């Protein structure tokens, strides 16, 4: 074959340009894919080439311009040397199969050479490095950082001119010339990333649930986690000491509100430790001496602030008040922390679960259970029209009167039946799912 050395030179140049094109494509996608926080972590770990990678990342607009310039130069060079080189290889092969027409040989050689160059360019110079960079951005960026920084510095004047023109064109389109490619993720984006990590096994179920609970933590208000006043056990200071101790033995709480006959007249909190060793026969005992001052929080306070309140006051029980100053319940540290870690019961807790399966598609539910918990557990959606927090409150709102045992209701996707009532509210409800 004539001019074989020249053809070999062109083929070598074409191969180099394809590899260079792939290099710049990989560098571009690695820079876009990786987050600056991860690069900072690699710098802290002392990873090789991490500092050049950060140098490029903090100049992201210019670095991407350098990648685009490299891709353009490699593609143009490939079109210049690649097609003639492959055409010279193909034309002799056409002669071997009996095609000797010069014009036809040139056309077929061009088509074959163009097809081969395009295929190699797409696969080796575009798709393969792009996909590798997307799947392994850290590794690819560390490989490319050193040569990319050198290329950036050598062609810096061209990059400045390129960015000026780009900024001008973006300005005409109403888009700012510089942007934050590594903007802060929203809560929804982070949740989606966590879900993806859990699906692929990078987060366990407990880790995923715990982190999701933290996101919901600041959105929850005290009213949704408090113990309603109707369920509060309290010490009436007008009762004899032996009755108070008997109440403590029966209910086995750590702290008790101290009241003058009812929760409408709260005096403070009594810790059970303060009653240890006190004899009801002691004539000098004054219950007022062991009452700690009451701490109150509004029912609309986020529970994240309630946690800070507990940390600051060192008193782990607070009274919840509504907008009129009326006590509507109490909240403890346990109520707050359970919103993150789930139910925590000590040796003396004997509470029934809020939602208990009672056969196929049927549940027995505590009346104080939040509507949101029921929707999650039973995969229902009651809508956003109600202002009630608990299922009992929701049924009362629908019924528009005091609930009675045996009352039934049709809810979206389910029917509800009141099983038990106490003091005008439902304490136990049977929920049956309706198949659609």
Protein backbone atom coordinates (compact mmCIF):
# COMPACT_ATOMS: atom_id res chain seq x y z
CA UNK A 1 0.00 0.00 0.00
CA UNK A 2 1.33 3.44 -0.98
CA UNK A 3 2.11 6.07 1.66
CA UNK A 4 1.86 3.50 4.48
CA UNK A 5 4.01 5.55 6.95
CA UNK A 6 1.79 8.61 6.39
CA UNK A 7 -1.36 6.53 6.85
CA UNK A 8 0.02 4.99 10.05
CA UNK A 9 0.80 8.48 11.35
CA UNK A 10 -2.76 9.62 10.64
CA UNK A 11 -4.20 6.53 12.34
CA UNK A 12 -2.04 7.09 15.43
CA UNK A 13 -3.08 10.73 15.53
CA UNK A 14 -6.76 9.72 15.21
CA UNK A 15 -6.42 7.24 18.08
CA UNK A 16 -4.75 9.88 20.29
CA UNK A 17 -7.46 12.43 19.49
CA UNK A 18 -10.22 9.93 20.34
CA UNK A 19 -8.56 9.25 23.70
CA UNK A 20 -8.13 13.00 24.33
CA UNK A 21 -11.79 13.60 23.51
CA UNK A 22 -12.75 10.89 26.01
CA UNK A 23 -10.42 12.43 28.60
CA UNK A 24 -12.06 15.85 28.39
CA UNK A 25 -15.57 14.34 28.38
CA UNK A 26 -14.75 12.30 31.51
CA UNK A 27 -13.23 15.32 33.26
CA UNK A 28 -16.29 17.44 32.45
CA UNK A 29 -18.83 14.96 33.79
CA UNK A 30 -16.73 14.15 36.86
CA UNK A 31 -16.52 17.87 37.72
CA UNK A 32 -20.28 18.30 37.34
CA UNK A 33 -21.19 15.09 39.18
CA UNK A 34 -19.02 15.37 42.30
CA UNK A 35 -19.89 17.76 45.12
CA UNK A 36 -17.38 20.22 46.55
CA UNK A 37 -18.01 18.85 50.05
CA UNK A 38 -16.75 15.43 48.92
CA UNK A 39 -13.65 17.02 47.38
CA UNK A 40 -12.96 18.80 50.68
CA UNK A 41 -13.20 15.45 52.43
CA UNK A 42 -10.69 13.89 50.01
CA UNK A 43 -8.31 16.81 50.61
CA UNK A 44 -8.62 16.25 54.37
CA UNK A 45 -7.86 12.56 53.85
CA UNK A 46 -4.71 13.46 51.91
CA UNK A 47 -5.79 11.70 48.70
CA UNK A 48 -3.36 12.04 45.79
CA UNK A 49 -4.37 14.78 43.29
CA UNK A 50 -7.19 15.92 45.59
CA UNK A 51 -5.81 19.48 45.80
CA UNK A 52 -5.67 19.95 41.99
CA UNK A 53 -9.21 18.56 41.87
CA UNK A 54 -10.37 21.17 44.37
CA UNK A 55 -8.46 23.87 42.45
CA UNK A 56 -10.51 22.98 39.38
CA UNK A 57 -13.79 22.61 41.29
CA UNK A 58 -13.66 26.09 42.85
CA UNK A 59 -13.18 27.46 39.29
CA UNK A 60 -15.96 25.35 37.91
CA UNK A 61 -17.16 27.65 35.14
CA UNK A 62 -13.63 28.08 33.78
CA UNK A 63 -12.85 24.38 34.21
CA UNK A 64 -15.93 23.38 32.24
CA UNK A 65 -14.94 25.85 29.55
CA UNK A 66 -11.52 24.20 29.41
CA UNK A 67 -13.18 20.80 29.00
CA UNK A 68 -15.40 22.08 26.22
CA UNK A 69 -12.45 23.69 24.48
CA UNK A 70 -10.51 20.42 24.68
CA UNK A 71 -13.48 18.42 23.35
CA UNK A 72 -13.95 20.83 20.45
CA UNK A 73 -10.27 20.82 19.52
CA UNK A 74 -10.06 17.01 19.69
CA UNK A 75 -13.24 16.57 17.62
CA UNK A 76 -12.11 18.99 14.93
CA UNK A 77 -8.68 17.36 14.77
CA UNK A 78 -10.25 13.93 14.56
CA UNK A 79 -12.40 15.00 11.62
CA UNK A 80 -9.34 16.37 9.88
CA UNK A 81 -6.99 13.36 10.20
CA UNK A 82 -9.32 10.44 10.93
CA UNK A 83 -11.44 10.20 7.79
CA UNK A 84 -8.52 10.33 5.30
CA UNK A 85 -6.56 7.75 7.31
CA UNK A 86 -9.39 5.22 7.42
CA UNK A 87 -10.35 5.95 3.81
CA UNK A 88 -6.82 5.00 2.72
CA UNK A 89 -7.22 1.70 4.57
CA UNK A 90 -10.62 0.92 3.12
CA UNK A 91 -9.99 1.78 -0.53
CA UNK A 92 -7.43 -1.05 -1.12
CA UNK A 93 -9.85 -3.51 0.47
CA UNK A 94 -12.53 -2.45 -2.00
CA UNK A 95 -10.10 -3.17 -4.82
CA UNK A 96 -9.65 -6.70 -3.51
CA UNK A 97 -13.37 -7.39 -3.86
CA UNK A 98 -13.46 -6.14 -7.45
CA UNK A 99 -14.44 -2.49 -7.09
CA UNK A 100 -11.98 -0.46 -9.20
CA UNK A 101 -14.05 2.56 -10.18
CA UNK A 102 -12.16 5.49 -8.69
CA UNK A 103 -15.19 7.64 -7.97
CA UNK A 104 -17.19 4.74 -6.43
CA UNK A 105 -14.17 3.66 -4.42
CA UNK A 106 -13.78 7.15 -3.01
CA UNK A 107 -17.48 7.40 -2.07
CA UNK A 108 -17.60 3.95 -0.43
CA UNK A 109 -14.29 4.60 1.32
CA UNK A 110 -15.60 7.86 2.71
CA UNK A 111 -18.80 6.21 3.97
CA UNK A 112 -16.91 3.35 5.62
CA UNK A 113 -14.32 5.66 7.15
CA UNK A 114 -16.99 8.07 8.40
CA UNK A 115 -18.94 5.21 9.99
CA UNK A 116 -15.87 3.80 11.75
CA UNK A 117 -14.70 7.21 12.99
CA UNK A 118 -18.20 8.12 14.20
CA UNK A 119 -18.58 4.81 16.04
CA UNK A 120 -15.19 5.08 17.74
CA UNK A 121 -15.82 8.71 18.59
CA UNK A 122 -19.21 7.97 20.17
CA UNK A 123 -18.19 4.84 22.07
CA UNK A 124 -14.58 5.48 23.07
CA UNK A 125 -14.56 9.27 22.97
CA UNK A 126 -18.02 10.01 24.43
CA UNK A 127 -20.26 7.33 25.90
CA UNK A 128 -17.78 5.10 27.74
CA UNK A 129 -15.88 7.91 29.54
CA UNK A 130 -19.14 9.76 30.24
CA UNK A 131 -20.81 6.76 31.91
CA UNK A 132 -17.65 5.85 33.82
CA UNK A 133 -17.35 9.43 35.12
CA UNK A 134 -21.00 9.48 36.22
CA UNK A 135 -20.65 6.19 38.08
CA UNK A 136 -17.18 6.86 39.55
CA UNK A 137 -16.78 10.66 39.64
CA UNK A 138 -14.22 10.67 42.46
CA UNK A 139 -11.84 8.23 40.82
CA UNK A 140 -12.16 9.86 37.40
CA UNK A 141 -11.63 13.39 38.72
CA UNK A 142 -8.48 12.36 40.60
CA UNK A 143 -7.13 10.77 37.41
CA UNK A 144 -7.88 13.85 35.30
CA UNK A 145 -7.06 16.62 37.80
CA UNK A 146 -3.32 16.98 37.08
CA UNK A 147 -3.45 17.12 33.25
CA UNK A 148 -6.61 19.26 33.37
CA UNK A 149 -4.95 21.84 35.61
CA UNK A 150 -1.96 22.00 33.23
CA UNK A 151 -4.27 22.38 30.21
CA UNK A 152 -6.27 25.05 32.10
CA UNK A 153 -3.17 27.14 32.84
CA UNK A 154 -1.70 26.85 29.32
CA UNK A 155 -4.93 27.94 27.62
CA UNK A 156 -6.06 30.41 30.29
CA UNK A 157 -6.20 33.46 27.93
CA UNK A 158 -8.51 31.57 25.54
CA UNK A 159 -10.70 30.49 28.48
CA UNK A 160 -11.06 34.09 29.65
CA UNK A 161 -12.17 35.17 26.20
CA UNK A 162 -14.53 32.19 25.94
CA UNK A 163 -16.15 32.97 29.31
CA UNK A 164 -16.60 36.64 28.42
CA UNK A 165 -18.45 35.71 25.25
CA UNK A 166 -20.48 33.05 27.07
CA UNK A 167 -21.47 35.51 29.81
CA UNK A 168 -22.55 38.03 27.15
CA UNK A 169 -24.72 35.45 25.35
CA UNK A 170 -26.27 34.26 28.63
CA UNK A 171 -27.00 37.88 29.52
CA UNK A 172 -28.94 38.29 26.29
CA UNK A 173 -30.99 35.23 27.30
CA UNK A 174 -31.64 36.65 30.77
CA UNK A 175 -29.39 34.16 32.57
CA UNK A 176 -26.58 35.14 34.91
CA UNK A 177 -23.15 34.36 33.56
CA UNK A 178 -21.93 32.69 36.74
CA UNK A 179 -23.88 30.15 38.69
CA UNK A 180 -23.59 27.90 41.69
CA UNK A 181 -23.27 24.44 40.14
CA UNK A 182 -22.99 22.93 43.62
CA UNK A 183 -26.01 24.59 45.19
CA UNK A 184 -27.41 23.39 48.48
CA UNK A 185 -29.76 20.43 48.20
CA UNK A 186 -33.36 20.80 49.30
CA UNK A 187 -34.92 18.54 51.91
CA UNK A 188 -36.81 16.68 49.18
CA UNK A 189 -33.58 16.08 47.24
CA UNK A 190 -31.81 14.79 50.34
CA UNK A 191 -34.73 12.47 51.13
CA UNK A 192 -34.60 11.15 47.57
CA UNK A 193 -30.86 10.52 47.90
CA UNK A 194 -31.42 8.72 51.19
CA UNK A 195 -34.14 6.57 49.64
CA UNK A 196 -31.82 5.72 46.76
CA UNK A 197 -29.00 4.87 49.18
CA UNK A 198 -31.35 2.62 51.16
CA UNK A 199 -32.55 0.82 48.00
CA UNK A 200 -28.95 0.12 46.97
CA UNK A 201 -27.99 -1.11 50.44
CA UNK A 202 -25.80 1.83 51.49
CA UNK A 203 -28.17 2.64 54.36
CA UNK A 204 -29.86 0.11 56.60
CA UNK A 205 -33.60 0.32 57.25
CA UNK A 206 -33.00 1.65 60.78
CA UNK A 207 -30.56 4.31 59.53
CA UNK A 208 -32.98 5.40 56.83
CA UNK A 209 -35.90 5.61 59.29
CA UNK A 210 -33.82 7.50 61.85
CA UNK A 211 -32.62 10.15 59.39
CA UNK A 212 -36.12 10.61 57.99
CA UNK A 213 -37.43 11.05 61.53
CA UNK A 214 -34.87 13.81 62.11
CA UNK A 215 -36.21 15.69 59.07
CA UNK A 216 -39.74 15.48 60.44
CA UNK A 217 -38.61 16.39 63.96
CA UNK A 218 -38.55 20.17 63.44
CA UNK A 219 -41.94 20.14 61.69
CA UNK A 220 -43.73 18.56 64.68
CA UNK A 221 -45.40 20.75 67.31
CA UNK A 222 -45.99 19.97 70.97
CA UNK A 223 -49.75 19.50 70.56
CA UNK A 224 -49.13 16.41 68.43
CA UNK A 225 -46.90 14.60 70.97
CA UNK A 226 -48.28 15.74 74.35
CA UNK A 227 -50.21 13.61 76.81
CA UNK A 228 -53.75 15.09 76.86
CA UNK A 229 -54.88 16.47 80.21
CA UNK A 230 -57.57 13.81 80.50
CA UNK A 231 -54.83 11.14 80.68
CA UNK A 232 -52.59 12.98 83.14
CA UNK A 233 -52.11 11.49 86.62
CA UNK A 234 -51.45 14.29 89.13
CA UNK A 235 -50.97 14.82 92.85
CA UNK A 236 -53.75 16.76 94.54
CA UNK A 237 -52.03 18.50 97.47
CA UNK A 238 -55.29 18.35 99.44
CA UNK A 239 -55.10 14.56 99.57
CA UNK A 240 -53.31 12.75 102.42
CA UNK A 241 -49.72 11.73 101.73
CA UNK A 242 -50.57 8.05 101.91
CA UNK A 243 -53.03 8.44 99.01
CA UNK A 244 -50.40 10.20 96.94
CA UNK A 245 -47.92 7.42 97.59
CA UNK A 246 -50.55 4.85 96.69
CA UNK A 247 -51.18 6.71 93.40
CA UNK A 248 -47.43 6.64 92.71
CA UNK A 249 -47.30 2.89 93.40
CA UNK A 250 -50.20 2.27 91.04
CA UNK A 251 -49.19 4.50 88.14
CA UNK A 252 -45.37 4.23 88.53
CA UNK A 253 -44.40 7.53 86.93
CA UNK A 254 -41.19 9.45 87.68
CA UNK A 255 -42.73 12.92 87.89
CA UNK A 256 -46.21 14.14 88.83
CA UNK A 257 -47.88 17.51 88.41
CA UNK A 258 -48.76 18.99 91.77
CA UNK A 259 -52.19 20.65 91.63
CA UNK A 260 -54.78 22.22 93.88
CA UNK A 261 -57.69 19.90 93.08
CA UNK A 262 -57.30 20.03 89.24
CA UNK A 263 -54.93 20.87 86.41
CA UNK A 264 -56.56 24.29 86.23
CA UNK A 265 -54.56 25.16 89.35
CA UNK A 266 -51.05 23.82 88.82
CA UNK A 267 -48.48 24.47 91.53
CA UNK A 268 -45.50 22.67 90.02
CA UNK A 269 -43.92 19.22 89.66
CA UNK A 270 -43.04 16.60 92.25
CA UNK A 271 -40.26 14.11 91.52
CA UNK A 272 -40.83 10.64 92.95
CA UNK A 273 -37.30 10.67 94.44
CA UNK A 274 -38.37 13.48 96.76
CA UNK A 275 -40.90 11.15 98.37
CA UNK A 276 -38.38 8.43 99.13
CA UNK A 277 -37.97 7.97 102.89
CA UNK A 278 -40.80 10.34 103.82
CA UNK A 279 -43.23 8.95 106.35
CA UNK A 280 -46.86 9.98 106.10
CA UNK A 281 -46.89 10.09 109.89
CA UNK A 282 -44.27 12.85 110.03
CA UNK A 283 -45.93 15.95 111.54
CA UNK A 284 -43.33 18.34 110.07
CA UNK A 285 -43.76 17.29 106.44
CA UNK A 286 -45.00 20.02 104.08
CA UNK A 287 -45.60 18.87 100.51
CA UNK A 288 -45.01 22.42 99.24
CA UNK A 289 -41.32 22.03 100.13
CA UNK A 290 -40.74 19.39 97.45
CA UNK A 291 -42.72 21.06 94.66
CA UNK A 292 -40.54 22.32 91.85
CA UNK A 293 -41.71 25.41 89.90
CA UNK A 294 -43.88 24.59 86.85
CA UNK A 295 -42.52 25.10 83.33
CA UNK A 296 -44.98 25.84 80.58
CA UNK A 297 -44.72 25.71 76.78
CA UNK A 298 -47.26 26.73 74.12
CA UNK A 299 -48.92 23.89 72.25
CA UNK A 300 -47.73 25.31 68.93
CA UNK A 301 -44.02 25.23 69.88
CA UNK A 302 -41.89 22.94 67.65
CA UNK A 303 -40.63 19.97 69.62
CA UNK A 304 -37.06 20.82 68.60
CA UNK A 305 -37.39 23.97 70.74
CA UNK A 306 -39.00 21.94 73.53
CA UNK A 307 -35.89 19.75 73.55
CA UNK A 308 -33.72 22.86 73.98
CA UNK A 309 -36.12 23.97 76.74
CA UNK A 310 -35.56 20.70 78.60
CA UNK A 311 -31.80 21.02 78.14
CA UNK A 312 -31.82 24.58 79.50
CA UNK A 313 -34.18 24.16 82.47
CA UNK A 314 -33.04 20.63 83.53
CA UNK A 315 -36.72 19.89 84.22
CA UNK A 316 -37.96 17.14 81.95
CA UNK A 317 -41.70 17.73 82.28
CA UNK A 318 -43.51 20.80 80.97
CA UNK A 319 -47.14 21.86 80.97
CA UNK A 320 -48.68 22.55 77.56
CA UNK A 321 -50.95 25.58 77.33
CA UNK A 322 -53.22 26.80 74.53
CA UNK A 323 -53.64 30.35 73.29
CA UNK A 324 -55.89 31.16 76.25
CA UNK A 325 -53.39 29.93 78.84
CA UNK A 326 -55.40 26.81 79.67
CA UNK A 327 -53.38 23.67 80.34
CA UNK A 328 -54.21 21.11 77.66
CA UNK A 329 -51.70 18.42 78.63
CA UNK A 330 -48.11 17.69 79.57
CA UNK A 331 -45.01 16.85 77.54
CA UNK A 332 -41.92 14.97 78.72
CA UNK A 333 -38.47 14.33 77.31
CA UNK A 334 -39.61 10.81 76.43
CA UNK A 335 -42.46 12.17 74.29
CA UNK A 336 -40.00 14.31 72.34
CA UNK A 337 -37.26 11.73 71.82
CA UNK A 338 -39.72 9.05 70.72
CA UNK A 339 -40.43 11.14 67.63
CA UNK A 340 -36.84 10.40 66.53
CA UNK A 341 -36.00 6.95 67.85
CA UNK A 342 -39.49 5.45 68.05
CA UNK A 343 -41.34 4.13 71.12
CA UNK A 344 -39.17 3.66 74.21
CA UNK A 345 -40.62 1.78 77.15
CA UNK A 346 -38.92 1.23 80.48
CA UNK A 347 -39.45 -1.56 83.02
CA UNK A 348 -42.68 -0.02 84.30
CA UNK A 349 -44.34 0.82 81.01
CA UNK A 350 -47.25 -1.45 80.16
CA UNK A 351 -48.92 0.60 77.46
CA UNK A 352 -50.74 -1.07 74.63
CA UNK A 353 -49.45 -0.30 71.13
CA UNK A 354 -51.34 2.57 69.50
CA UNK A 355 -52.16 0.52 66.39
CA UNK A 356 -52.75 -3.23 66.78
CA UNK A 357 -53.58 -5.53 63.81
CA UNK A 358 -56.85 -7.34 64.49
CA UNK A 359 -57.23 -9.57 61.47
CA UNK A 360 -56.98 -9.07 57.71
CA UNK A 361 -57.47 -5.40 56.90
CA UNK A 362 -58.55 -4.53 60.44
CA UNK A 363 -56.85 -2.59 63.25
CA UNK A 364 -57.62 -1.62 66.83
CA UNK A 365 -56.42 1.93 67.38
CA UNK A 366 -55.97 4.06 70.49
CA UNK A 367 -58.14 7.17 70.22
CA UNK A 368 -55.19 9.48 70.94
CA UNK A 369 -53.16 8.12 67.99
CA UNK A 370 -52.22 10.85 65.54
CA UNK A 371 -53.93 10.89 62.17
CA UNK A 372 -50.52 10.99 60.44
CA UNK A 373 -49.35 7.79 62.17
CA UNK A 374 -52.52 5.98 61.09
CA UNK A 375 -52.14 7.16 57.50
CA UNK A 376 -48.55 5.87 57.40
CA UNK A 377 -49.28 2.55 59.09
CA UNK A 378 -52.47 1.75 57.19
CA UNK A 379 -51.48 3.44 53.91
CA UNK A 380 -54.48 5.79 53.93
CA UNK A 381 -55.03 9.44 53.14
CA UNK A 382 -57.75 11.25 55.09
CA UNK A 383 -57.04 14.58 53.38
CA UNK A 384 -55.89 17.91 54.79
CA UNK A 385 -59.28 19.45 55.57
CA UNK A 386 -59.35 18.52 59.26
CA UNK A 387 -57.67 20.50 62.05
CA UNK A 388 -57.73 17.50 64.41
CA UNK A 389 -54.50 15.81 65.46
CA UNK A 390 -55.88 12.53 66.82
CA UNK A 391 -58.22 9.98 65.27
CA UNK A 392 -60.70 10.59 68.09
CA UNK A 393 -60.70 14.31 67.33
CA UNK A 394 -61.16 13.60 63.62
CA UNK A 395 -64.23 11.43 64.29
CA UNK A 396 -65.66 14.01 66.69
CA UNK A 397 -65.19 16.69 64.05
CA UNK A 398 -67.02 14.53 61.48
CA UNK A 399 -69.81 13.54 63.90
CA UNK A 400 -70.28 17.08 65.29
CA UNK A 401 -71.27 15.69 68.70
CA UNK A 402 -69.91 13.65 71.61
CA UNK A 403 -68.91 10.16 70.48
CA UNK A 404 -70.76 7.12 71.77
CA UNK A 405 -69.80 3.46 71.75
CA UNK A 406 -70.96 1.84 68.50
CA UNK A 407 -70.78 4.99 66.35
CA UNK A 408 -69.54 4.18 62.84
CA UNK A 409 -68.00 6.42 60.20
CA UNK A 410 -67.04 6.17 56.56
CA UNK A 411 -63.54 7.48 55.92
CA UNK A 412 -61.52 7.59 52.68
CA UNK A 413 -60.46 3.97 52.17
CA UNK A 414 -61.77 2.70 55.53
CA UNK A 415 -64.63 2.49 58.01
CA UNK A 416 -64.23 3.37 61.70
CA UNK A 417 -66.22 2.06 64.67
CA UNK A 418 -65.99 3.47 68.19
CA UNK A 419 -65.30 0.55 70.56
CA UNK A 420 -64.64 2.34 73.87
CA UNK A 421 -65.25 5.88 75.13
CA UNK A 422 -64.19 7.80 78.22
CA UNK A 423 -65.06 11.34 79.27
CA UNK A 424 -66.70 12.08 75.94
CA UNK A 425 -63.90 10.93 73.66
CA UNK A 426 -63.14 7.67 71.89
CA UNK A 427 -60.38 5.68 73.58
CA UNK A 428 -60.51 2.63 71.31
CA UNK A 429 -61.47 2.52 67.64
CA UNK A 430 -61.81 -0.37 65.21
CA UNK A 431 -60.60 0.55 61.70
CA UNK A 432 -61.47 -1.65 58.73
CA UNK A 433 -59.81 -1.07 55.39
CA UNK A 434 -62.12 -0.93 52.40
CA UNK A 435 -60.91 -2.66 49.25
CA UNK A 436 -61.23 -0.53 46.14
